[in-house]
């Protein structure tokens, strides 16, 4: 989070410096904010900040300028802040944003689950539960569990899946949730926690079970298989088999 504001300050400093040096002629605060956003996004990329910070840099200061000109009641700002907290919760601490898995990813995962296999599949950080819903409906013979720490996404997931007998959505951090009973664990997180996720999977999952990561490979670990997903994001699913030497 510190580096986000560092990039913001650097971007503002560069644009302000160009104005003072008369290299740029800026006649409105919004123009300054737009240029500052572009410059801050470039600094964030150079500092190797998370990719999802780039659009935030682009809209942060322009958004502040636009909203400040609307003369809204302060209660709206409080409501917006509370809504963001309930949706993103500990994102800035965990550095794991809310990523939503699409239907093409769900189809690719369904192909990994034989019909009526009785497998237990977990979505660690299940968001709004859309993926779990498609999987639970597509494979009624298996059992699906999700865990989500952000309150509003968890509520959305719980509402979607509450009537399905082969699914369960828990509220809380998956770090405190054991993977020991799962045959397949699916994660769609960020590059930051992947080594820790792998260590958790090796410590808790049985030999022969599978960890599936959407988009983010585990550093230094060769996947058993990489499945390309035919979507516009060019998603890849990284499959990691828990070996016989896994710690139990």
C-alpha atoms as a PDB file:
ATOM      1  CA  UNK A   1       0.000   0.000   0.000  1.00  0.00           C
ATOM      2  CA  UNK A   2       2.886   2.382   0.761  1.00  0.00           C
ATOM      3  CA  UNK A   3       4.162   2.033  -2.812  1.00  0.00           C
ATOM      4  CA  UNK A   4       0.751   3.017  -4.176  1.00  0.00           C
ATOM      5  CA  UNK A   5       1.028   6.408  -2.522  1.00  0.00           C
ATOM      6  CA  UNK A   6       4.707   6.667  -3.455  1.00  0.00           C
ATOM      7  CA  UNK A   7       3.728   6.291  -7.131  1.00  0.00           C
ATOM      8  CA  UNK A   8       0.933   8.837  -6.660  1.00  0.00           C
ATOM      9  CA  UNK A   9       3.327  11.375  -5.138  1.00  0.00           C
ATOM     10  CA  UNK A  10       5.946  10.779  -7.819  1.00  0.00           C
ATOM     11  CA  UNK A  11       3.373  11.197 -10.569  1.00  0.00           C
ATOM     12  CA  UNK A  12       2.078  14.425  -9.071  1.00  0.00           C
ATOM     13  CA  UNK A  13       5.598  15.707  -8.501  1.00  0.00           C
ATOM     14  CA  UNK A  14       6.661  15.106 -12.090  1.00  0.00           C
ATOM     15  CA  UNK A  15       3.615  16.836 -13.585  1.00  0.00           C
ATOM     16  CA  UNK A  16       3.900  19.749 -11.143  1.00  0.00           C
ATOM     17  CA  UNK A  17       7.607  20.063 -11.981  1.00  0.00           C
ATOM     18  CA  UNK A  18       6.871  20.187 -15.713  1.00  0.00           C
ATOM     19  CA  UNK A  19       4.285  22.910 -15.136  1.00  0.00           C
ATOM     20  CA  UNK A  20       6.659  24.990 -13.006  1.00  0.00           C
ATOM     21  CA  UNK A  21       9.380  24.575 -15.649  1.00  0.00           C
ATOM     22  CA  UNK A  22       6.810  25.735 -18.246  1.00  0.00           C
ATOM     23  CA  UNK A  23       7.249  22.525 -20.229  1.00  0.00           C
ATOM     24  CA  UNK A  24       3.518  21.860 -19.843  1.00  0.00           C
ATOM     25  CA  UNK A  25       0.713  24.389 -19.945  1.00  0.00           C
ATOM     26  CA  UNK A  26      -2.226  23.036 -17.935  1.00  0.00           C
ATOM     27  CA  UNK A  27      -5.358  25.154 -17.682  1.00  0.00           C
ATOM     28  CA  UNK A  28      -7.619  22.918 -15.596  1.00  0.00           C
ATOM     29  CA  UNK A  29      -7.346  20.791 -12.475  1.00  0.00           C
ATOM     30  CA  UNK A  30      -8.918  17.834 -14.283  1.00  0.00           C
ATOM     31  CA  UNK A  31      -6.227  17.918 -16.979  1.00  0.00           C
ATOM     32  CA  UNK A  32      -3.574  17.922 -14.274  1.00  0.00           C
ATOM     33  CA  UNK A  33      -5.311  14.961 -12.564  1.00  0.00           C
ATOM     34  CA  UNK A  34      -5.500  12.965 -15.802  1.00  0.00           C
ATOM     35  CA  UNK A  35      -1.808  13.505 -16.552  1.00  0.00           C
ATOM     36  CA  UNK A  36      -0.896  12.711 -12.950  1.00  0.00           C
ATOM     37  CA  UNK A  37      -2.843   9.441 -13.223  1.00  0.00           C
ATOM     38  CA  UNK A  38      -0.952   8.382 -16.347  1.00  0.00           C
ATOM     39  CA  UNK A  39       2.391   9.295 -14.797  1.00  0.00           C
ATOM     40  CA  UNK A  40       1.576   7.513 -11.514  1.00  0.00           C
ATOM     41  CA  UNK A  41       0.525   4.377 -13.405  1.00  0.00           C
ATOM     42  CA  UNK A  42       3.875   4.424 -15.234  1.00  0.00           C
ATOM     43  CA  UNK A  43       5.760   4.756 -11.950  1.00  0.00           C
ATOM     44  CA  UNK A  44       3.717   1.914 -10.446  1.00  0.00           C
ATOM     45  CA  UNK A  45       4.643  -0.338 -13.371  1.00  0.00           C
ATOM     46  CA  UNK A  46       8.317   0.648 -13.025  1.00  0.00           C
ATOM     47  CA  UNK A  47       8.197  -0.105  -9.297  1.00  0.00           C
ATOM     48  CA  UNK A  48       6.619  -3.492 -10.114  1.00  0.00           C
ATOM     49  CA  UNK A  49       3.450  -2.812  -8.203  1.00  0.00           C
ATOM     50  CA  UNK A  50       0.489  -5.176  -8.663  1.00  0.00           C
ATOM     51  CA  UNK A  51      -1.044  -4.917 -12.129  1.00  0.00           C
ATOM     52  CA  UNK A  52      -4.474  -4.122 -10.699  1.00  0.00           C
ATOM     53  CA  UNK A  53      -3.038  -0.902  -9.232  1.00  0.00           C
ATOM     54  CA  UNK A  54      -2.576   0.593 -12.711  1.00  0.00           C
ATOM     55  CA  UNK A  55      -6.286   1.345 -13.367  1.00  0.00           C
ATOM     56  CA  UNK A  56      -6.559   2.655  -9.798  1.00  0.00           C
ATOM     57  CA  UNK A  57      -3.755   5.119 -10.475  1.00  0.00           C
ATOM     58  CA  UNK A  58      -5.431   6.215 -13.693  1.00  0.00           C
ATOM     59  CA  UNK A  59      -8.762   7.015 -12.029  1.00  0.00           C
ATOM     60  CA  UNK A  60      -7.798   7.926  -8.451  1.00  0.00           C
ATOM     61  CA  UNK A  61      -7.047  11.662  -8.685  1.00  0.00           C
ATOM     62  CA  UNK A  62      -9.392  12.335 -11.657  1.00  0.00           C
ATOM     63  CA  UNK A  63     -12.142  10.677  -9.657  1.00  0.00           C
ATOM     64  CA  UNK A  64     -11.416  12.866  -6.641  1.00  0.00           C
ATOM     65  CA  UNK A  65     -11.520  15.992  -8.814  1.00  0.00           C
ATOM     66  CA  UNK A  66     -14.790  15.020 -10.515  1.00  0.00           C
ATOM     67  CA  UNK A  67     -16.543  14.008  -7.321  1.00  0.00           C
ATOM     68  CA  UNK A  68     -15.389  17.119  -5.451  1.00  0.00           C
ATOM     69  CA  UNK A  69     -17.099  19.249  -8.110  1.00  0.00           C
ATOM     70  CA  UNK A  70     -20.441  17.501  -7.579  1.00  0.00           C
ATOM     71  CA  UNK A  71     -20.945  18.935  -4.052  1.00  0.00           C
ATOM     72  CA  UNK A  72     -22.358  15.666  -2.728  1.00  0.00           C
ATOM     73  CA  UNK A  73     -23.525  15.227   0.835  1.00  0.00           C
ATOM     74  CA  UNK A  74     -20.810  13.702   3.037  1.00  0.00           C
ATOM     75  CA  UNK A  75     -23.068  10.739   3.808  1.00  0.00           C
ATOM     76  CA  UNK A  76     -22.583   9.451   0.264  1.00  0.00           C
ATOM     77  CA  UNK A  77     -18.836   9.322   0.770  1.00  0.00           C
ATOM     78  CA  UNK A  78     -19.270   7.368   3.995  1.00  0.00           C
ATOM     79  CA  UNK A  79     -21.657   4.943   2.275  1.00  0.00           C
ATOM     80  CA  UNK A  80     -19.228   4.450  -0.620  1.00  0.00           C
ATOM     81  CA  UNK A  81     -16.357   3.852   1.793  1.00  0.00           C
ATOM     82  CA  UNK A  82     -18.319   1.277   3.786  1.00  0.00           C
ATOM     83  CA  UNK A  83     -19.389  -0.490   0.591  1.00  0.00           C
ATOM     84  CA  UNK A  84     -15.769  -0.730  -0.586  1.00  0.00           C
ATOM     85  CA  UNK A  85     -14.684  -2.050   2.803  1.00  0.00           C
ATOM     86  CA  UNK A  86     -17.386  -4.738   2.749  1.00  0.00           C
ATOM     87  CA  UNK A  87     -16.449  -5.777  -0.792  1.00  0.00           C
ATOM     88  CA  UNK A  88     -12.652  -5.661  -0.652  1.00  0.00           C
ATOM     89  CA  UNK A  89     -12.169  -6.080   3.114  1.00  0.00           C
ATOM     90  CA  UNK A  90      -8.483  -7.040   3.618  1.00  0.00           C
ATOM     91  CA  UNK A  91      -7.340  -6.599  -0.004  1.00  0.00           C
ATOM     92  CA  UNK A  92      -4.712  -3.982   0.787  1.00  0.00           C
ATOM     93  CA  UNK A  93      -3.237  -6.207   3.490  1.00  0.00           C
ATOM     94  CA  UNK A  94      -3.371  -9.489   1.584  1.00  0.00           C
ATOM     95  CA  UNK A  95      -2.629  -7.898  -1.820  1.00  0.00           C
ATOM     96  CA  UNK A  96      -5.228 -10.251  -3.303  1.00  0.00           C
ATOM     97  CA  UNK A  97      -7.942  -8.363  -5.229  1.00  0.00           C
ATOM     98  CA  UNK A  98     -11.418  -9.655  -5.997  1.00  0.00           C
ATOM     99  CA  UNK A  99     -11.000 -11.709  -9.174  1.00  0.00           C
ATOM    100  CA  UNK A 100     -14.082 -13.375 -10.645  1.00  0.00           C
ATOM    101  CA  UNK A 101     -13.710 -16.636 -12.570  1.00  0.00           C
ATOM    102  CA  UNK A 102     -15.590 -16.769 -15.866  1.00  0.00           C
ATOM    103  CA  UNK A 103     -17.772 -19.454 -17.445  1.00  0.00           C
ATOM    104  CA  UNK A 104     -14.941 -20.717 -19.672  1.00  0.00           C
ATOM    105  CA  UNK A 105     -12.839 -21.386 -16.572  1.00  0.00           C
ATOM    106  CA  UNK A 106     -15.736 -23.223 -14.955  1.00  0.00           C
ATOM    107  CA  UNK A 107     -16.048 -25.445 -18.038  1.00  0.00           C
ATOM    108  CA  UNK A 108     -12.320 -26.236 -17.974  1.00  0.00           C
ATOM    109  CA  UNK A 109     -12.570 -27.199 -14.304  1.00  0.00           C
ATOM    110  CA  UNK A 110     -15.629 -29.371 -14.935  1.00  0.00           C
ATOM    111  CA  UNK A 111     -13.551 -31.402 -17.362  1.00  0.00           C
ATOM    112  CA  UNK A 112     -11.158 -32.204 -14.494  1.00  0.00           C
ATOM    113  CA  UNK A 113     -13.992 -33.618 -12.372  1.00  0.00           C
ATOM    114  CA  UNK A 114     -15.416 -36.967 -13.518  1.00  0.00           C
ATOM    115  CA  UNK A 115     -19.187 -37.234 -13.237  1.00  0.00           C
ATOM    116  CA  UNK A 116     -20.467 -38.830 -10.004  1.00  0.00           C
ATOM    117  CA  UNK A 117     -16.898 -39.129  -8.732  1.00  0.00           C
ATOM    118  CA  UNK A 118     -17.712 -38.082  -5.175  1.00  0.00           C
ATOM    119  CA  UNK A 119     -14.718 -35.741  -5.093  1.00  0.00           C
ATOM    120  CA  UNK A 120     -14.433 -32.859  -2.657  1.00  0.00           C
ATOM    121  CA  UNK A 121     -13.495 -29.595  -4.373  1.00  0.00           C
ATOM    122  CA  UNK A 122     -12.700 -26.308  -2.638  1.00  0.00           C
ATOM    123  CA  UNK A 123     -12.560 -22.750  -3.922  1.00  0.00           C
ATOM    124  CA  UNK A 124     -10.235 -20.888  -1.547  1.00  0.00           C
ATOM    125  CA  UNK A 125     -11.383 -17.293  -1.842  1.00  0.00           C
ATOM    126  CA  UNK A 126     -14.628 -17.983  -3.689  1.00  0.00           C
ATOM    127  CA  UNK A 127     -15.726 -14.369  -4.209  1.00  0.00           C
ATOM    128  CA  UNK A 128     -19.392 -14.119  -5.148  1.00  0.00           C
ATOM    129  CA  UNK A 129     -19.722 -17.887  -5.649  1.00  0.00           C
ATOM    130  CA  UNK A 130     -20.443 -17.849  -9.409  1.00  0.00           C
ATOM    131  CA  UNK A 131     -17.788 -20.481 -10.127  1.00  0.00           C
ATOM    132  CA  UNK A 132     -18.921 -22.731  -7.283  1.00  0.00           C
ATOM    133  CA  UNK A 133     -22.511 -22.496  -8.485  1.00  0.00           C
ATOM    134  CA  UNK A 134     -21.601 -23.664 -12.002  1.00  0.00           C
ATOM    135  CA  UNK A 135     -19.448 -26.493 -10.671  1.00  0.00           C
ATOM    136  CA  UNK A 136     -22.003 -27.691  -8.103  1.00  0.00           C
ATOM    137  CA  UNK A 137     -24.787 -27.682 -10.705  1.00  0.00           C
ATOM    138  CA  UNK A 138     -22.603 -29.372 -13.304  1.00  0.00           C
ATOM    139  CA  UNK A 139     -21.292 -32.132 -11.012  1.00  0.00           C
ATOM    140  CA  UNK A 140     -24.073 -32.983  -8.522  1.00  0.00           C
ATOM    141  CA  UNK A 141     -22.219 -36.146  -7.491  1.00  0.00           C
ATOM    142  CA  UNK A 142     -19.303 -34.191  -6.012  1.00  0.00           C
ATOM    143  CA  UNK A 143     -19.164 -31.858  -3.021  1.00  0.00           C
ATOM    144  CA  UNK A 144     -18.054 -28.220  -3.237  1.00  0.00           C
ATOM    145  CA  UNK A 145     -16.897 -25.852  -0.529  1.00  0.00           C
ATOM    146  CA  UNK A 146     -15.941 -22.205  -0.707  1.00  0.00           C
ATOM    147  CA  UNK A 147     -14.470 -19.748   1.728  1.00  0.00           C
ATOM    148  CA  UNK A 148     -14.561 -15.965   1.419  1.00  0.00           C
ATOM    149  CA  UNK A 149     -13.419 -13.333   3.920  1.00  0.00           C
ATOM    150  CA  UNK A 150     -15.031 -10.214   2.377  1.00  0.00           C
ATOM    151  CA  UNK A 151     -18.570  -9.863   3.795  1.00  0.00           C
ATOM    152  CA  UNK A 152     -20.575  -8.767   0.723  1.00  0.00           C
ATOM    153  CA  UNK A 153     -19.058 -11.291  -1.721  1.00  0.00           C
ATOM    154  CA  UNK A 154     -19.523 -14.003   0.917  1.00  0.00           C
ATOM    155  CA  UNK A 155     -23.184 -13.043   1.324  1.00  0.00           C
ATOM    156  CA  UNK A 156     -23.695 -13.159  -2.444  1.00  0.00           C
ATOM    157  CA  UNK A 157     -22.075 -16.611  -2.592  1.00  0.00           C
ATOM    158  CA  UNK A 158     -24.117 -17.908   0.326  1.00  0.00           C
ATOM    159  CA  UNK A 159     -27.370 -16.708  -1.246  1.00  0.00           C
ATOM    160  CA  UNK A 160     -26.505 -18.375  -4.575  1.00  0.00           C
ATOM    161  CA  UNK A 161     -25.554 -21.740  -3.087  1.00  0.00           C
ATOM    162  CA  UNK A 162     -27.693 -22.062   0.037  1.00  0.00           C
ATOM    163  CA  UNK A 163     -30.237 -24.385  -1.589  1.00  0.00           C
ATOM    164  CA  UNK A 164     -27.747 -26.744  -3.243  1.00  0.00           C
ATOM    165  CA  UNK A 165     -27.211 -29.877  -1.137  1.00  0.00           C
ATOM    166  CA  UNK A 166     -23.722 -30.507  -2.516  1.00  0.00           C
ATOM    167  CA  UNK A 167     -22.203 -27.158  -1.583  1.00  0.00           C
ATOM    168  CA  UNK A 168     -21.227 -25.056   1.418  1.00  0.00           C
ATOM    169  CA  UNK A 169     -19.903 -21.499   1.666  1.00  0.00           C
ATOM    170  CA  UNK A 170     -17.945 -20.450   4.751  1.00  0.00           C
ATOM    171  CA  UNK A 171     -17.099 -16.947   5.950  1.00  0.00           C
ATOM    172  CA  UNK A 172     -13.487 -16.433   6.925  1.00  0.00           C
ATOM    173  CA  UNK A 173      -9.897 -16.586   5.748  1.00  0.00           C
ATOM    174  CA  UNK A 174      -8.889 -19.774   3.969  1.00  0.00           C
ATOM    175  CA  UNK A 175      -5.523 -19.564   5.732  1.00  0.00           C
ATOM    176  CA  UNK A 176      -7.282 -20.848   8.859  1.00  0.00           C
ATOM    177  CA  UNK A 177      -9.136 -23.538   6.872  1.00  0.00           C
ATOM    178  CA  UNK A 178      -7.541 -26.953   6.443  1.00  0.00           C
ATOM    179  CA  UNK A 179      -7.249 -28.407   2.937  1.00  0.00           C
ATOM    180  CA  UNK A 180      -6.878 -31.924   4.377  1.00  0.00           C
ATOM    181  CA  UNK A 181     -10.253 -33.255   3.195  1.00  0.00           C
ATOM    182  CA  UNK A 182     -10.120 -31.768  -0.301  1.00  0.00           C
ATOM    183  CA  UNK A 183      -9.320 -33.675  -3.496  1.00  0.00           C
ATOM    184  CA  UNK A 184      -8.976 -30.483  -5.580  1.00  0.00           C
ATOM    185  CA  UNK A 185      -8.282 -26.974  -4.298  1.00  0.00           C
ATOM    186  CA  UNK A 186      -8.797 -24.068  -6.711  1.00  0.00           C
ATOM    187  CA  UNK A 187      -7.310 -20.620  -6.143  1.00  0.00           C
ATOM    188  CA  UNK A 188      -7.470 -17.349  -8.104  1.00  0.00           C
ATOM    189  CA  UNK A 189      -5.384 -14.967  -6.030  1.00  0.00           C
ATOM    190  CA  UNK A 190      -2.318 -12.940  -7.082  1.00  0.00           C
ATOM    191  CA  UNK A 191       1.413 -13.617  -7.443  1.00  0.00           C
ATOM    192  CA  UNK A 192       2.061 -12.484  -3.852  1.00  0.00           C
ATOM    193  CA  UNK A 193       0.777 -15.461  -1.783  1.00  0.00           C
ATOM    194  CA  UNK A 194       1.449 -18.331  -4.210  1.00  0.00           C
ATOM    195  CA  UNK A 195       4.503 -19.749  -2.426  1.00  0.00           C
ATOM    196  CA  UNK A 196       2.608 -19.686   0.861  1.00  0.00           C
ATOM    197  CA  UNK A 197      -0.390 -21.382  -0.786  1.00  0.00           C
ATOM    198  CA  UNK A 198       1.887 -24.132  -2.115  1.00  0.00           C
ATOM    199  CA  UNK A 199       3.432 -24.679   1.313  1.00  0.00           C
ATOM    200  CA  UNK A 200      -0.039 -24.909   2.848  1.00  0.00           C
ATOM    201  CA  UNK A 201      -1.201 -27.374   0.193  1.00  0.00           C
ATOM    202  CA  UNK A 202       1.877 -29.600   0.627  1.00  0.00           C
ATOM    203  CA  UNK A 203       1.480 -29.569   4.392  1.00  0.00           C
ATOM    204  CA  UNK A 204      -2.241 -30.396   4.447  1.00  0.00           C
ATOM    205  CA  UNK A 205      -3.368 -32.126   1.256  1.00  0.00           C
ATOM    206  CA  UNK A 206      -3.062 -35.861   0.651  1.00  0.00           C
ATOM    207  CA  UNK A 207      -0.620 -37.288  -1.914  1.00  0.00           C
ATOM    208  CA  UNK A 208      -2.260 -37.478  -5.330  1.00  0.00           C
ATOM    209  CA  UNK A 209      -4.613 -34.534  -4.745  1.00  0.00           C
ATOM    210  CA  UNK A 210      -4.529 -31.453  -6.930  1.00  0.00           C
ATOM    211  CA  UNK A 211      -3.937 -27.726  -6.473  1.00  0.00           C
ATOM    212  CA  UNK A 212      -5.228 -25.613  -9.378  1.00  0.00           C
ATOM    213  CA  UNK A 213      -4.174 -21.981  -9.725  1.00  0.00           C
ATOM    214  CA  UNK A 214      -5.867 -19.600 -12.125  1.00  0.00           C
ATOM    215  CA  UNK A 215      -3.361 -17.339 -13.952  1.00  0.00           C
ATOM    216  CA  UNK A 216      -0.636 -17.294 -11.287  1.00  0.00           C
ATOM    217  CA  UNK A 217       2.105 -19.929 -11.289  1.00  0.00           C
ATOM    218  CA  UNK A 218       3.949 -21.016  -8.156  1.00  0.00           C
ATOM    219  CA  UNK A 219       7.493 -19.619  -8.289  1.00  0.00           C
ATOM    220  CA  UNK A 220      10.119 -22.333  -8.751  1.00  0.00           C
ATOM    221  CA  UNK A 221       7.602 -25.205  -9.013  1.00  0.00           C
ATOM    222  CA  UNK A 222       6.951 -26.984 -12.309  1.00  0.00           C
ATOM    223  CA  UNK A 223       3.242 -27.618 -12.865  1.00  0.00           C
ATOM    224  CA  UNK A 224       2.103 -31.084 -13.833  1.00  0.00           C
ATOM    225  CA  UNK A 225       0.035 -29.508 -16.581  1.00  0.00           C
ATOM    226  CA  UNK A 226      -1.041 -26.108 -17.881  1.00  0.00           C
ATOM    227  CA  UNK A 227      -4.544 -25.833 -19.331  1.00  0.00           C
ATOM    228  CA  UNK A 228      -5.205 -22.886 -21.675  1.00  0.00           C
ATOM    229  CA  UNK A 229      -8.723 -21.513 -21.268  1.00  0.00           C
ATOM    230  CA  UNK A 230     -10.362 -20.230 -24.473  1.00  0.00           C
ATOM    231  CA  UNK A 231     -11.408 -16.802 -23.204  1.00  0.00           C
ATOM    232  CA  UNK A 232     -10.482 -13.203 -24.021  1.00  0.00           C
ATOM    233  CA  UNK A 233      -8.109 -13.026 -21.052  1.00  0.00           C
ATOM    234  CA  UNK A 234      -6.115 -15.982 -22.411  1.00  0.00           C
ATOM    235  CA  UNK A 235      -6.374 -17.557 -18.980  1.00  0.00           C
ATOM    236  CA  UNK A 236      -4.131 -20.452 -17.989  1.00  0.00           C
ATOM    237  CA  UNK A 237      -4.860 -22.994 -15.254  1.00  0.00           C
ATOM    238  CA  UNK A 238      -1.725 -24.319 -13.521  1.00  0.00           C
ATOM    239  CA  UNK A 239      -2.141 -27.840 -12.114  1.00  0.00           C
ATOM    240  CA  UNK A 240       0.105 -29.005  -9.272  1.00  0.00           C
ATOM    241  CA  UNK A 241      -0.067 -32.589  -8.057  1.00  0.00           C
ATOM    242  CA  UNK A 242       0.720 -33.193  -4.399  1.00  0.00           C
ATOM    243  CA  UNK A 243       3.517 -35.773  -4.365  1.00  0.00           C
ATOM    244  CA  UNK A 244       4.082 -38.773  -2.080  1.00  0.00           C
ATOM    245  CA  UNK A 245       6.683 -36.829  -0.108  1.00  0.00           C
ATOM    246  CA  UNK A 246       4.176 -34.206   0.997  1.00  0.00           C
ATOM    247  CA  UNK A 247       4.308 -33.385   4.682  1.00  0.00           C
ATOM    248  CA  UNK A 248       1.339 -34.676   6.684  1.00  0.00           C
END
